[in-house]
Every structure is written in C-alpha cells, then in structure tokens.
Amino acid sequence: MTASLLATGCVYRINIQQGNFLNQSAVDTVKEGMTRSQVRYLLGTPMVADSFDKERWDYIYYLKKGRSRHVDSRRVTVYFDGDKVARLDKPTEAEAAAQDASAAKIKNGRVY
C-alpha cells in the first residue's frame, strides 16, 4: 500500500500545447490593409476560422507545462473586409510583455 501511495506522486504529466505560438513581433507586423495570404504567412493558419463569419480569424495559443498550475495563453483576432485586414484585436504592449516574461519562465522550467 505504501508503494502505491509513493508511486502516485511520481506520475509524469505531459506538456499541453495547443494552437499557434504567437510571436509578438509577428503580431505587431500585421497592419490594416494586408491581405489574407500575408497574414497567414506571418501568423500561420488560424486556429479557429468561423464558419458563420468568413471575415474573422482567431489565433489562440495555450501552454500548460507538466505539473505546473500556470498557463500561458494568448489570443489575437483578425477582422477582414473582403481580402484586406480591417482591424486587429491583440494584447496591449504591457500585456504582451507580461506574456513574454511568463512564457520565458515556463520555457526555463521555473514556474510550478
């Protein structure tokens, strides 16, 4: 019985990563007037392409590393008018800096 209690504490938990990693410099490069293909080149294929609204692409990134309770998540939404970017919902510079610092901690394995 003691061995089973000790073994449960040593269970390996895999990293859960979903979506496109959103590099802030690539996100900042996206500007109004760019085409869909230019956005796809910079950010990759959107995680969610809305079936009901073809003029909106959602980019979502989620990372939970092993046993850590900390989650790194980012979200960028691109709105199109025809084939051109009409507007972009993205994190503010302060939020982006905090997300980058958080991602660096997770990458270095210093978040528990």
N, C-alpha and C. Protein backbone atom coordinates (compact mmCIF):
# COMPACT_ATOMS: atom_id res chain seq x y z
N MET A 1 0.83 -1.19 0.00
CA MET A 1 0.00 0.00 0.00
C MET A 1 0.88 1.26 0.00
N THR A 2 1.95 1.24 0.77
CA THR A 2 2.86 2.38 0.81
C THR A 2 3.48 2.62 -0.55
N ALA A 3 3.84 1.55 -1.24
CA ALA A 3 4.44 1.69 -2.56
C ALA A 3 3.47 2.34 -3.54
N SER A 4 2.19 2.00 -3.47
CA SER A 4 1.21 2.60 -4.38
C SER A 4 1.02 4.08 -4.08
N LEU A 5 1.09 4.47 -2.82
CA LEU A 5 0.97 5.89 -2.46
C LEU A 5 2.18 6.69 -2.97
N LEU A 6 3.36 6.11 -2.86
CA LEU A 6 4.56 6.78 -3.34
C LEU A 6 4.57 6.86 -4.87
N ALA A 7 4.08 5.85 -5.52
CA ALA A 7 4.08 5.81 -6.99
C ALA A 7 3.15 6.86 -7.59
N THR A 8 2.06 7.18 -6.91
CA THR A 8 1.12 8.17 -7.45
C THR A 8 1.73 9.55 -7.48
N GLY A 9 2.70 9.84 -6.64
CA GLY A 9 3.35 11.14 -6.62
C GLY A 9 4.38 11.31 -7.73
N CYS A 10 4.73 10.23 -8.41
CA CYS A 10 5.77 10.27 -9.44
C CYS A 10 5.20 10.14 -10.85
N VAL A 11 3.96 10.50 -11.02
CA VAL A 11 3.32 10.38 -12.33
C VAL A 11 3.79 11.54 -13.21
N TYR A 12 4.22 11.18 -14.42
CA TYR A 12 4.68 12.19 -15.37
C TYR A 12 3.47 12.86 -16.01
N ARG A 13 3.48 14.16 -16.09
CA ARG A 13 2.42 14.91 -16.75
C ARG A 13 3.00 15.57 -17.99
N ILE A 14 2.39 15.31 -19.13
CA ILE A 14 2.90 15.87 -20.37
C ILE A 14 2.54 17.35 -20.48
N ASN A 15 3.30 18.05 -21.29
CA ASN A 15 3.00 19.44 -21.60
C ASN A 15 1.81 19.46 -22.55
N ILE A 16 0.90 20.39 -22.33
CA ILE A 16 -0.25 20.54 -23.21
C ILE A 16 -0.08 21.86 -23.96
N GLN A 17 0.14 21.75 -25.26
CA GLN A 17 0.31 22.93 -26.09
C GLN A 17 -0.69 22.85 -27.23
N GLN A 18 -1.46 23.93 -27.41
CA GLN A 18 -2.45 23.97 -28.47
C GLN A 18 -2.37 25.30 -29.19
N GLY A 19 -2.58 25.25 -30.49
CA GLY A 19 -2.64 26.48 -31.28
C GLY A 19 -1.29 26.91 -31.82
N ASN A 20 -1.30 28.10 -32.39
CA ASN A 20 -0.10 28.68 -32.99
C ASN A 20 0.60 29.53 -31.94
N PHE A 21 1.93 29.35 -31.80
CA PHE A 21 2.66 30.26 -30.92
C PHE A 21 2.65 31.63 -31.57
N LEU A 22 2.23 32.63 -30.84
CA LEU A 22 2.08 33.98 -31.38
C LEU A 22 3.26 34.83 -30.96
N ASN A 23 4.20 34.96 -31.86
CA ASN A 23 5.36 35.80 -31.64
C ASN A 23 4.90 37.26 -31.71
N GLN A 24 5.17 38.04 -30.68
CA GLN A 24 4.66 39.40 -30.62
C GLN A 24 5.18 40.27 -31.76
N SER A 25 6.41 40.03 -32.20
CA SER A 25 6.93 40.84 -33.31
C SER A 25 6.16 40.54 -34.60
N ALA A 26 5.76 39.29 -34.81
CA ALA A 26 4.96 38.94 -35.99
C ALA A 26 3.57 39.55 -35.89
N VAL A 27 2.99 39.53 -34.69
CA VAL A 27 1.66 40.13 -34.48
C VAL A 27 1.72 41.63 -34.74
N ASP A 28 2.79 42.28 -34.27
CA ASP A 28 2.94 43.72 -34.47
C ASP A 28 3.14 44.08 -35.94
N THR A 29 3.61 43.13 -36.74
CA THR A 29 3.84 43.37 -38.16
C THR A 29 2.53 43.43 -38.95
N VAL A 30 1.50 42.75 -38.45
CA VAL A 30 0.20 42.74 -39.15
C VAL A 30 -0.42 44.13 -39.06
N LYS A 31 -0.76 44.69 -40.20
CA LYS A 31 -1.33 46.04 -40.28
C LYS A 31 -2.60 46.02 -41.11
N GLU A 32 -3.43 47.05 -40.92
CA GLU A 32 -4.62 47.20 -41.74
C GLU A 32 -4.23 47.30 -43.20
N GLY A 33 -5.01 46.65 -44.07
CA GLY A 33 -4.75 46.69 -45.50
C GLY A 33 -3.97 45.49 -46.01
N MET A 34 -3.38 44.68 -45.12
CA MET A 34 -2.66 43.48 -45.56
C MET A 34 -3.66 42.45 -46.08
N THR A 35 -3.21 41.58 -46.95
CA THR A 35 -4.08 40.54 -47.50
C THR A 35 -4.11 39.33 -46.57
N ARG A 36 -5.07 38.45 -46.82
CA ARG A 36 -5.20 37.21 -46.03
C ARG A 36 -3.93 36.36 -46.15
N SER A 37 -3.38 36.28 -47.35
CA SER A 37 -2.18 35.45 -47.52
C SER A 37 -0.99 36.03 -46.76
N GLN A 38 -0.89 37.34 -46.68
CA GLN A 38 0.20 37.96 -45.91
C GLN A 38 0.04 37.66 -44.42
N VAL A 39 -1.20 37.71 -43.92
CA VAL A 39 -1.47 37.40 -42.51
C VAL A 39 -1.16 35.94 -42.24
N ARG A 40 -1.58 35.06 -43.13
CA ARG A 40 -1.31 33.63 -42.96
C ARG A 40 0.19 33.35 -42.97
N TYR A 41 0.94 34.07 -43.79
CA TYR A 41 2.39 33.91 -43.83
C TYR A 41 3.03 34.32 -42.49
N LEU A 42 2.55 35.41 -41.90
CA LEU A 42 3.13 35.91 -40.65
C LEU A 42 2.68 35.11 -39.43
N LEU A 43 1.39 34.77 -39.35
CA LEU A 43 0.85 34.16 -38.13
C LEU A 43 0.52 32.68 -38.27
N GLY A 44 0.53 32.17 -39.49
CA GLY A 44 0.16 30.77 -39.71
C GLY A 44 -1.34 30.65 -39.97
N THR A 45 -1.78 29.42 -40.10
CA THR A 45 -3.19 29.15 -40.34
C THR A 45 -3.96 29.44 -39.04
N PRO A 46 -5.10 30.12 -39.14
CA PRO A 46 -5.83 30.44 -37.90
C PRO A 46 -6.31 29.19 -37.17
N MET A 47 -6.29 29.25 -35.85
CA MET A 47 -6.76 28.14 -35.03
C MET A 47 -8.26 27.95 -35.23
N VAL A 48 -8.99 29.06 -35.31
CA VAL A 48 -10.43 29.00 -35.49
C VAL A 48 -10.81 29.90 -36.65
N ALA A 49 -11.35 29.30 -37.69
CA ALA A 49 -11.92 30.07 -38.79
C ALA A 49 -13.43 29.93 -38.66
N ASP A 50 -14.10 31.01 -38.32
CA ASP A 50 -15.53 30.98 -38.03
C ASP A 50 -16.34 30.59 -39.27
N SER A 51 -17.15 29.54 -39.13
CA SER A 51 -17.97 29.08 -40.24
C SER A 51 -19.05 30.08 -40.62
N PHE A 52 -19.49 30.87 -39.66
CA PHE A 52 -20.57 31.81 -39.90
C PHE A 52 -20.08 33.20 -40.29
N ASP A 53 -18.83 33.49 -39.96
CA ASP A 53 -18.28 34.80 -40.28
C ASP A 53 -16.91 34.61 -40.94
N LYS A 54 -16.89 34.60 -42.25
CA LYS A 54 -15.65 34.36 -43.01
C LYS A 54 -14.68 35.53 -42.91
N GLU A 55 -15.14 36.63 -42.33
CA GLU A 55 -14.31 37.84 -42.23
C GLU A 55 -13.53 37.91 -40.91
N ARG A 56 -13.50 36.82 -40.16
CA ARG A 56 -12.83 36.83 -38.85
C ARG A 56 -11.97 35.58 -38.69
N TRP A 57 -10.72 35.79 -38.29
CA TRP A 57 -9.81 34.69 -37.97
C TRP A 57 -9.37 34.85 -36.52
N ASP A 58 -9.43 33.75 -35.77
CA ASP A 58 -8.99 33.75 -34.37
C ASP A 58 -7.73 32.90 -34.25
N TYR A 59 -6.70 33.51 -33.64
CA TYR A 59 -5.46 32.81 -33.34
C TYR A 59 -5.39 32.65 -31.83
N ILE A 60 -5.32 31.41 -31.39
CA ILE A 60 -5.32 31.13 -29.95
C ILE A 60 -4.11 30.24 -29.65
N TYR A 61 -3.41 30.56 -28.56
CA TYR A 61 -2.27 29.75 -28.13
C TYR A 61 -2.46 29.43 -26.66
N TYR A 62 -2.19 28.17 -26.30
CA TYR A 62 -2.37 27.70 -24.92
C TYR A 62 -1.22 26.76 -24.60
N LEU A 63 -0.57 26.97 -23.45
CA LEU A 63 0.51 26.08 -23.00
C LEU A 63 0.40 25.88 -21.50
N LYS A 64 0.29 24.61 -21.10
CA LYS A 64 0.35 24.23 -19.69
C LYS A 64 1.45 23.19 -19.59
N LYS A 65 2.49 23.52 -18.84
CA LYS A 65 3.68 22.68 -18.78
C LYS A 65 3.60 21.73 -17.59
N GLY A 66 3.53 20.43 -17.89
CA GLY A 66 3.59 19.38 -16.89
C GLY A 66 2.69 19.60 -15.69
N ARG A 67 3.27 19.52 -14.51
CA ARG A 67 2.53 19.68 -13.26
C ARG A 67 2.25 21.14 -12.89
N SER A 68 2.81 22.04 -13.63
CA SER A 68 2.64 23.46 -13.34
C SER A 68 1.17 23.85 -13.37
N ARG A 69 0.80 24.73 -12.48
CA ARG A 69 -0.57 25.24 -12.49
C ARG A 69 -0.68 26.48 -13.35
N HIS A 70 0.46 26.97 -13.77
CA HIS A 70 0.50 28.18 -14.58
C HIS A 70 0.18 27.86 -16.04
N VAL A 71 -0.62 28.69 -16.65
CA VAL A 71 -0.99 28.52 -18.06
C VAL A 71 -0.59 29.78 -18.81
N ASP A 72 0.06 29.59 -19.96
CA ASP A 72 0.39 30.70 -20.85
C ASP A 72 -0.62 30.66 -21.99
N SER A 73 -1.40 31.71 -22.14
CA SER A 73 -2.36 31.74 -23.24
C SER A 73 -2.34 33.12 -23.89
N ARG A 74 -2.58 33.11 -25.18
CA ARG A 74 -2.60 34.34 -25.96
C ARG A 74 -3.72 34.24 -26.97
N ARG A 75 -4.25 35.39 -27.34
CA ARG A 75 -5.33 35.42 -28.31
C ARG A 75 -5.21 36.66 -29.19
N VAL A 76 -5.32 36.45 -30.49
CA VAL A 76 -5.32 37.53 -31.46
C VAL A 76 -6.47 37.27 -32.42
N THR A 77 -7.26 38.29 -32.70
CA THR A 77 -8.36 38.17 -33.65
C THR A 77 -8.14 39.16 -34.78
N VAL A 78 -8.22 38.65 -36.02
CA VAL A 78 -8.04 39.48 -37.20
C VAL A 78 -9.38 39.58 -37.91
N TYR A 79 -9.82 40.80 -38.19
CA TYR A 79 -11.07 41.04 -38.91
C TYR A 79 -10.74 41.54 -40.30
N PHE A 80 -11.42 40.99 -41.29
CA PHE A 80 -11.18 41.35 -42.69
C PHE A 80 -12.38 42.08 -43.27
N ASP A 81 -12.11 42.89 -44.26
CA ASP A 81 -13.14 43.48 -45.10
C ASP A 81 -12.78 43.07 -46.52
N GLY A 82 -13.46 42.04 -47.01
CA GLY A 82 -13.07 41.44 -48.29
C GLY A 82 -11.82 40.63 -48.10
N ASP A 83 -10.75 41.00 -48.78
CA ASP A 83 -9.49 40.27 -48.67
C ASP A 83 -8.44 41.04 -47.86
N LYS A 84 -8.83 42.18 -47.29
CA LYS A 84 -7.87 43.04 -46.58
C LYS A 84 -8.18 43.10 -45.09
N VAL A 85 -7.15 43.25 -44.28
CA VAL A 85 -7.32 43.39 -42.83
C VAL A 85 -8.02 44.71 -42.54
N ALA A 86 -9.14 44.63 -41.80
CA ALA A 86 -9.88 45.82 -41.41
C ALA A 86 -9.45 46.29 -40.02
N ARG A 87 -9.26 45.33 -39.10
CA ARG A 87 -8.78 45.67 -37.76
C ARG A 87 -8.21 44.43 -37.10
N LEU A 88 -7.52 44.65 -36.00
CA LEU A 88 -6.81 43.59 -35.31
C LEU A 88 -7.01 43.76 -33.81
N ASP A 89 -7.53 42.73 -33.15
CA ASP A 89 -7.62 42.73 -31.69
C ASP A 89 -6.44 41.94 -31.17
N LYS A 90 -5.55 42.61 -30.44
CA LYS A 90 -4.34 41.97 -29.93
C LYS A 90 -4.05 42.51 -28.54
N PRO A 91 -3.17 41.84 -27.80
CA PRO A 91 -2.81 42.33 -26.46
C PRO A 91 -2.11 43.69 -26.54
N THR A 92 -2.27 44.48 -25.50
CA THR A 92 -1.55 45.75 -25.42
C THR A 92 -0.06 45.44 -25.24
N GLU A 93 0.78 46.45 -25.36
CA GLU A 93 2.22 46.23 -25.20
C GLU A 93 2.55 45.72 -23.80
N ALA A 94 1.86 46.23 -22.78
CA ALA A 94 2.10 45.78 -21.40
C ALA A 94 1.69 44.32 -21.23
N GLU A 95 0.53 43.95 -21.79
CA GLU A 95 0.08 42.56 -21.71
C GLU A 95 1.03 41.64 -22.47
N ALA A 96 1.49 42.09 -23.63
CA ALA A 96 2.41 41.28 -24.43
C ALA A 96 3.73 41.08 -23.69
N ALA A 97 4.23 42.11 -23.03
CA ALA A 97 5.48 41.99 -22.27
C ALA A 97 5.31 41.00 -21.11
N ALA A 98 4.17 41.07 -20.44
CA ALA A 98 3.89 40.14 -19.34
C ALA A 98 3.78 38.71 -19.86
N GLN A 99 3.14 38.54 -21.02
CA GLN A 99 3.01 37.20 -21.61
C GLN A 99 4.37 36.66 -22.03
N ASP A 100 5.22 37.50 -22.59
CA ASP A 100 6.56 37.06 -22.99
C ASP A 100 7.39 36.65 -21.77
N ALA A 101 7.29 37.41 -20.69
CA ALA A 101 8.01 37.07 -19.46
C ALA A 101 7.50 35.75 -18.89
N SER A 102 6.18 35.57 -18.93
CA SER A 102 5.57 34.33 -18.45
C SER A 102 6.02 33.15 -19.28
N ALA A 103 6.05 33.32 -20.60
CA ALA A 103 6.48 32.24 -21.49
C ALA A 103 7.94 31.88 -21.25
N ALA A 104 8.77 32.88 -20.97
CA ALA A 104 10.19 32.62 -20.70
C ALA A 104 10.36 31.81 -19.43
N LYS A 105 9.55 32.11 -18.41
CA LYS A 105 9.62 31.33 -17.16
C LYS A 105 9.21 29.89 -17.41
N ILE A 106 8.14 29.69 -18.18
CA ILE A 106 7.69 28.34 -18.47
C ILE A 106 8.75 27.59 -19.27
N LYS A 107 9.33 28.27 -20.26
CA LYS A 107 10.35 27.63 -21.10
C LYS A 107 11.54 27.20 -20.27
N ASN A 108 11.92 28.01 -19.29
CA ASN A 108 13.07 27.70 -18.46
C ASN A 108 12.73 26.75 -17.32
N GLY A 109 11.44 26.37 -17.21
CA GLY A 109 11.03 25.42 -16.19
C GLY A 109 11.01 25.98 -14.79
N ARG A 110 10.82 27.29 -14.66
CA ARG A 110 10.87 27.91 -13.33
C ARG A 110 9.50 28.21 -12.75
N VAL A 111 8.45 27.75 -13.37
CA VAL A 111 7.10 28.01 -12.86
C VAL A 111 6.52 26.70 -12.37
N TYR A 112 5.99 26.71 -11.14
CA TYR A 112 5.41 25.49 -10.55
C TYR A 112 4.01 25.75 -10.10
